[in-house]
Amino acid sequence: MLWGMVCALGAAVCFGAATVLQAMAARAAAAGAGAGGGRGGDAALLLRAVRQWRYLAGLGLDGLGFVFQIVALRSVPIYAVGAALASSLAVTAVVAARLLHVRLSRIEWAAVAVVCAGLAMLGLASGAEGEESGPAALPWAMLGAAVAMLGLVGGRLPERGRALALGLGAGCGFGVVEVAVRLIDSLSPGELLTDPALYALLLGGGAAFLLLTTALQRGSVTTATAGMVIGETIGPAVVGVVWLGDRTREGLAWLAVLGFVVAVAGALALARFGEAPETTPPSE
């Protein structure tokens, strides 16, 4: 139980720090391109960024964070892992303040403290992961949800509310990944390749990445990230409690609910750090 929570927090630290390192690499790549070098588009910028050690280090941290996430999901309730992953925004805010010289307001520093307090409450109240496998149709439902997220990638959305819809879709895709990890029972190649949960995990993760990338490119970072936080925490938490047997310590359900709400609310207050700022605010 303790090890699982440590892994969830480790994943949050990895994802949060990776965001800042990749932002630093992207800024350096854009600066190195000069006034006319940025006309090659996002692909050209990406090619320049991947040549920098910060970007590669960020990718490495993303990979390590995913490993931590899988370990956490196999040992603690989904609601605790989801809230911990949302707290990566707090990590990004703190690291950005140090490395990118981004100035955090008092409210944002308070939000970082709120996230930490919420996670502490969750850590105290969370029980062991549920041992139920849920209804037989649940893996197929997750696969269907992942396919629906892919449909959203290719669909047309009205300008109004597009960033929120894409962010919610990305969050739901990441939520599918969280649930699918719990639904995979065997790592035997024969059984794994016929398990719909595996394909839900792969399609959900891919769709989430594409939706979030599109949302950050074409809409408000704050709105998209807020939608993502809501999508990746609430739905999976409900699935874990209703169908997978996730519970709290005896008599501490109220503390778990309060911790979950507090942690997610703090993360939403830091939603602008869904993509680390690319410009340094002027000094006063």
Protein backbone atom coordinates (compact mmCIF):
# COMPACT_ATOMS: atom_id res chain seq x y z
CA MET A 1 0.00 0.00 0.00
CA LEU A 2 2.70 2.50 1.02
CA TRP A 3 4.89 1.43 -1.89
CA GLY A 4 2.00 1.96 -4.30
CA MET A 5 1.38 5.49 -3.06
CA VAL A 6 5.11 6.25 -3.30
CA CYS A 7 5.04 5.04 -6.92
CA ALA A 8 1.99 7.21 -7.69
CA LEU A 9 3.78 10.27 -6.31
CA GLY A 10 6.94 9.25 -8.16
CA ALA A 11 4.94 9.17 -11.41
CA ALA A 12 3.60 12.66 -10.68
CA VAL A 13 7.13 13.97 -10.06
CA CYS A 14 8.40 12.39 -13.28
CA PHE A 15 5.55 13.72 -15.43
CA GLY A 16 5.72 17.20 -13.88
CA ALA A 17 9.48 17.55 -14.27
CA ALA A 18 9.36 16.12 -17.81
CA THR A 19 6.94 18.86 -18.89
CA VAL A 20 9.37 21.58 -17.83
CA LEU A 21 12.43 19.93 -19.41
CA GLN A 22 10.60 19.49 -22.70
CA ALA A 23 9.39 23.09 -22.59
CA MET A 24 12.97 24.27 -22.05
CA ALA A 25 14.15 22.18 -25.01
CA ALA A 26 11.35 23.52 -27.22
CA ARG A 27 12.22 27.10 -26.28
CA ALA A 28 15.90 26.53 -27.05
CA ALA A 29 15.03 24.89 -30.37
CA ALA A 30 12.79 27.78 -31.36
CA ALA A 31 15.45 30.31 -30.38
CA GLY A 32 18.10 28.41 -32.32
CA ALA A 33 15.95 28.43 -35.43
CA GLY A 34 16.21 32.21 -35.72
CA ALA A 35 13.62 34.51 -37.20
CA GLY A 36 13.06 32.47 -40.35
CA GLY A 37 13.87 29.02 -39.10
CA GLY A 38 10.52 28.42 -37.52
CA ARG A 39 8.65 28.20 -40.84
CA GLY A 40 9.12 24.47 -41.06
CA GLY A 41 6.22 23.95 -38.71
CA ASP A 42 5.83 21.87 -35.58
CA ALA A 43 7.54 18.80 -37.07
CA ALA A 44 10.72 20.74 -37.79
CA LEU A 45 10.65 22.22 -34.30
CA LEU A 46 10.23 18.74 -32.83
CA LEU A 47 13.21 17.45 -34.81
CA ARG A 48 15.36 20.25 -33.41
CA ALA A 49 14.08 19.68 -29.90
CA VAL A 50 14.83 15.94 -29.84
CA ARG A 51 18.50 16.70 -30.45
CA GLN A 52 18.70 18.33 -27.03
CA TRP A 53 19.45 16.42 -23.88
CA ARG A 54 16.66 18.12 -21.94
CA TYR A 55 14.01 16.83 -24.33
CA LEU A 56 15.44 13.32 -24.26
CA ALA A 57 15.65 13.47 -20.46
CA GLY A 58 12.00 14.52 -20.42
CA LEU A 59 11.04 11.54 -22.57
CA GLY A 60 13.00 9.29 -20.24
CA LEU A 61 11.15 10.72 -17.24
CA ASP A 62 7.83 10.17 -19.04
CA GLY A 63 8.73 6.52 -19.55
CA LEU A 64 9.81 6.09 -15.95
CA GLY A 65 6.65 7.83 -14.78
CA PHE A 66 4.52 5.41 -16.80
CA VAL A 67 6.25 2.46 -15.15
CA PHE A 68 5.58 4.00 -11.73
CA GLN A 69 1.96 4.56 -12.75
CA ILE A 70 1.48 0.91 -13.70
CA VAL A 71 2.98 -0.29 -10.41
CA ALA A 72 0.79 2.12 -8.46
CA LEU A 73 -2.38 1.08 -10.28
CA ARG A 74 -1.71 -2.56 -9.38
CA SER A 75 -1.44 -1.83 -5.67
CA VAL A 76 -3.58 1.17 -4.64
CA PRO A 77 -7.10 2.34 -5.60
CA ILE A 78 -7.58 4.13 -8.90
CA TYR A 79 -8.97 7.21 -7.18
CA ALA A 80 -5.70 7.69 -5.26
CA VAL A 81 -3.54 7.22 -8.36
CA GLY A 82 -5.69 9.59 -10.43
CA ALA A 83 -5.46 12.36 -7.86
CA ALA A 84 -1.71 11.82 -7.53
CA LEU A 85 -1.23 12.08 -11.30
CA ALA A 86 -3.25 15.30 -11.38
CA SER A 87 -0.79 16.66 -8.81
CA SER A 88 1.92 16.58 -11.48
CA LEU A 89 0.68 20.09 -12.29
CA ALA A 90 1.92 21.19 -8.87
CA VAL A 91 5.32 19.64 -9.64
CA THR A 92 5.42 21.45 -12.98
CA ALA A 93 4.54 24.75 -11.30
CA VAL A 94 7.29 24.41 -8.68
CA VAL A 95 9.95 23.28 -11.18
CA ALA A 96 8.92 25.98 -13.67
CA ALA A 97 9.28 28.59 -10.94
CA ARG A 98 12.85 27.41 -10.37
CA LEU A 99 14.11 26.62 -13.87
CA LEU A 100 11.96 28.82 -16.13
CA HIS A 101 11.77 31.71 -13.64
CA VAL A 102 7.98 31.67 -13.83
CA ARG A 103 6.45 33.78 -11.10
CA LEU A 104 3.76 31.99 -9.10
CA SER A 105 1.11 34.08 -7.41
CA ARG A 106 0.24 33.59 -3.76
CA ILE A 107 -2.92 31.82 -4.84
CA GLU A 108 -0.90 29.38 -6.94
CA TRP A 109 1.53 28.67 -4.08
CA ALA A 110 -1.53 28.09 -1.90
CA ALA A 111 -2.87 25.69 -4.56
CA VAL A 112 0.40 23.72 -4.42
CA ALA A 113 -0.03 23.42 -0.65
CA VAL A 114 -3.68 22.39 -1.12
CA VAL A 115 -2.67 19.61 -3.53
CA CYS A 116 -0.12 18.32 -1.01
CA ALA A 117 -2.72 18.40 1.77
CA GLY A 118 -5.24 16.53 -0.36
CA LEU A 119 -2.72 13.84 -1.26
CA ALA A 120 -1.77 13.47 2.40
CA MET A 121 -5.43 12.90 3.28
CA LEU A 122 -5.76 10.37 0.47
CA GLY A 123 -2.66 8.55 1.61
CA LEU A 124 -4.05 8.23 5.13
CA ALA A 125 -7.51 7.11 4.02
CA SER A 126 -6.82 4.85 1.04
CA GLY A 127 -7.17 1.12 1.46
CA ALA A 128 -5.67 -1.60 -0.68
CA GLU A 129 -6.72 -1.91 -4.31
CA GLY A 130 -9.92 -3.83 -4.94
CA GLU A 131 -9.66 -7.49 -5.91
CA GLU A 132 -12.80 -7.59 -8.05
CA SER A 133 -12.49 -7.93 -11.81
CA GLY A 134 -15.77 -6.20 -12.62
CA PRO A 135 -18.38 -7.38 -15.13
CA ALA A 136 -17.19 -9.37 -18.13
CA ALA A 137 -18.25 -6.56 -20.43
CA LEU A 138 -16.06 -3.94 -18.72
CA PRO A 139 -12.90 -4.56 -20.82
CA TRP A 140 -14.99 -4.31 -23.97
CA ALA A 141 -16.60 -1.13 -22.67
CA MET A 142 -13.13 0.34 -22.14
CA LEU A 143 -12.17 -0.67 -25.67
CA GLY A 144 -15.33 0.97 -27.01
CA ALA A 145 -14.54 4.15 -25.07
CA ALA A 146 -11.01 4.18 -26.52
CA VAL A 147 -12.39 3.83 -30.06
CA ALA A 148 -14.81 6.68 -29.34
CA MET A 149 -11.87 8.84 -28.25
CA LEU A 150 -10.15 8.08 -31.56
CA GLY A 151 -13.33 9.15 -33.32
CA LEU A 152 -13.14 12.45 -31.49
CA VAL A 153 -9.60 12.92 -32.85
CA GLY A 154 -10.87 12.89 -36.42
CA GLY A 155 -14.18 14.62 -35.78
CA ARG A 156 -15.03 18.25 -36.25
CA LEU A 157 -15.76 20.31 -33.18
CA PRO A 158 -17.22 23.81 -32.96
CA GLU A 159 -14.74 26.54 -32.06
CA ARG A 160 -16.69 27.36 -28.91
CA GLY A 161 -15.83 24.84 -26.22
CA ARG A 162 -13.36 22.93 -28.41
CA ALA A 163 -10.45 23.12 -25.95
CA LEU A 164 -12.64 21.86 -23.10
CA ALA A 165 -14.06 19.01 -25.21
CA LEU A 166 -10.62 17.94 -26.41
CA GLY A 167 -9.23 18.16 -22.88
CA LEU A 168 -12.08 16.08 -21.49
CA GLY A 169 -11.56 13.56 -24.28
CA ALA A 170 -7.85 13.35 -23.48
CA GLY A 171 -8.64 12.88 -19.80
CA CYS A 172 -11.10 10.11 -20.60
CA GLY A 173 -8.43 8.45 -22.75
CA PHE A 174 -5.95 8.55 -19.89
CA GLY A 175 -8.72 7.26 -17.63
CA VAL A 176 -9.22 4.29 -19.96
CA VAL A 177 -5.52 3.54 -19.55
CA GLU A 178 -5.83 3.61 -15.75
CA VAL A 179 -8.77 1.20 -15.73
CA ALA A 180 -7.29 -1.06 -18.43
CA VAL A 181 -4.10 -1.57 -16.40
CA ARG A 182 -6.24 -2.95 -13.57
CA LEU A 183 -8.23 -5.21 -15.91
CA ILE A 184 -5.22 -7.01 -17.41
CA ASP A 185 -5.05 -10.29 -15.49
CA SER A 186 -2.26 -12.19 -17.21
CA LEU A 187 0.99 -11.21 -18.89
CA SER A 188 1.18 -14.50 -20.76
CA PRO A 189 1.59 -13.57 -24.45
CA GLY A 190 -1.22 -15.87 -25.57
CA GLU A 191 -3.76 -14.46 -23.13
CA LEU A 192 -2.48 -10.90 -23.34
CA LEU A 193 -2.90 -10.66 -27.12
CA THR A 194 -6.53 -11.75 -26.86
CA ASP A 195 -7.35 -9.42 -23.95
CA PRO A 196 -9.47 -6.41 -25.05
CA ALA A 197 -8.07 -4.46 -22.08
CA LEU A 198 -4.63 -4.41 -23.75
CA TYR A 199 -6.03 -2.81 -26.89
CA ALA A 200 -8.10 -0.41 -24.81
CA LEU A 201 -4.87 0.65 -23.07
CA LEU A 202 -2.99 1.19 -26.34
CA LEU A 203 -5.81 2.96 -28.19
CA GLY A 204 -6.84 5.00 -25.15
CA GLY A 205 -3.29 6.20 -24.54
CA GLY A 206 -2.74 7.05 -28.20
CA ALA A 207 -6.04 8.90 -28.50
CA ALA A 208 -5.38 10.81 -25.26
CA PHE A 209 -1.98 11.98 -26.48
CA LEU A 210 -3.36 13.14 -29.84
CA LEU A 211 -6.35 14.90 -28.27
CA LEU A 212 -4.25 16.69 -25.67
CA THR A 213 -1.66 17.77 -28.25
CA THR A 214 -4.44 19.16 -30.47
CA ALA A 215 -6.09 20.90 -27.53
CA LEU A 216 -2.86 22.60 -26.47
CA GLN A 217 -2.13 23.73 -30.03
CA ARG A 218 -5.58 25.07 -30.87
CA GLY A 219 -7.09 26.29 -27.64
CA SER A 220 -6.58 27.53 -24.13
CA VAL A 221 -4.00 25.53 -22.20
CA THR A 222 -5.81 26.24 -18.94
CA THR A 223 -9.20 25.12 -20.26
CA ALA A 224 -7.83 22.00 -21.95
CA THR A 225 -5.84 20.95 -18.88
CA ALA A 226 -8.78 21.53 -16.57
CA GLY A 227 -10.89 19.27 -18.77
CA MET A 228 -8.16 16.65 -18.79
CA VAL A 229 -7.85 16.65 -14.98
CA ILE A 230 -11.61 16.16 -14.62
CA GLY A 231 -11.72 13.42 -17.25
CA GLU A 232 -8.80 11.39 -15.90
CA THR A 233 -9.85 11.48 -12.23
CA ILE A 234 -13.61 11.31 -11.73
CA GLY A 235 -14.62 8.60 -14.23
CA PRO A 236 -11.86 6.10 -13.36
CA ALA A 237 -12.45 6.68 -9.64
CA VAL A 238 -16.12 5.80 -10.05
CA VAL A 239 -15.27 2.66 -12.04
CA GLY A 240 -12.78 1.59 -9.37
CA VAL A 241 -15.24 2.02 -6.51
CA VAL A 242 -18.36 0.63 -8.23
CA TRP A 243 -16.94 -2.30 -10.20
CA LEU A 244 -13.38 -3.06 -9.08
CA GLY A 245 -13.85 -3.04 -5.31
CA ASP A 246 -11.67 -0.05 -4.40
CA ARG A 247 -12.33 0.91 -0.80
CA THR A 248 -10.95 3.12 1.96
CA ARG A 249 -9.70 2.32 5.43
CA GLU A 250 -12.48 1.52 7.88
CA GLY A 251 -14.34 4.68 8.85
CA LEU A 252 -12.20 6.98 6.66
CA ALA A 253 -14.32 7.18 3.51
CA TRP A 254 -15.10 10.83 4.32
CA LEU A 255 -11.39 11.65 4.51
CA ALA A 256 -10.73 9.96 1.16
CA VAL A 257 -13.54 11.89 -0.51
CA LEU A 258 -12.34 15.16 1.02
CA GLY A 259 -8.72 14.46 0.04
CA PHE A 260 -9.74 13.58 -3.53
CA VAL A 261 -11.82 16.75 -3.92
CA VAL A 262 -9.11 18.94 -2.36
CA ALA A 263 -6.29 17.47 -4.49
CA VAL A 264 -8.25 17.78 -7.74
CA ALA A 265 -9.41 21.30 -6.89
CA GLY A 266 -5.81 22.34 -6.22
CA ALA A 267 -4.74 20.81 -9.54
CA LEU A 268 -7.48 22.69 -11.38
CA ALA A 269 -6.21 25.94 -9.85
CA LEU A 270 -2.83 25.16 -11.44
CA ALA A 271 -4.27 24.19 -14.82
CA ARG A 272 -2.25 26.82 -16.69
CA PHE A 273 0.80 24.65 -16.06
CA GLY A 274 -0.63 21.87 -18.25
CA GLU A 275 1.95 23.09 -20.72
CA ALA A 276 4.91 24.85 -19.12
CA PRO A 277 5.00 28.56 -20.08
CA GLU A 278 7.25 29.29 -23.03
CA THR A 279 8.00 32.87 -22.13
CA THR A 280 9.46 34.29 -18.99
CA PRO A 281 7.34 36.96 -17.31
CA PRO A 282 9.12 40.30 -17.08
CA SER A 283 10.75 41.09 -13.79
CA GLU A 284 9.28 43.89 -11.71
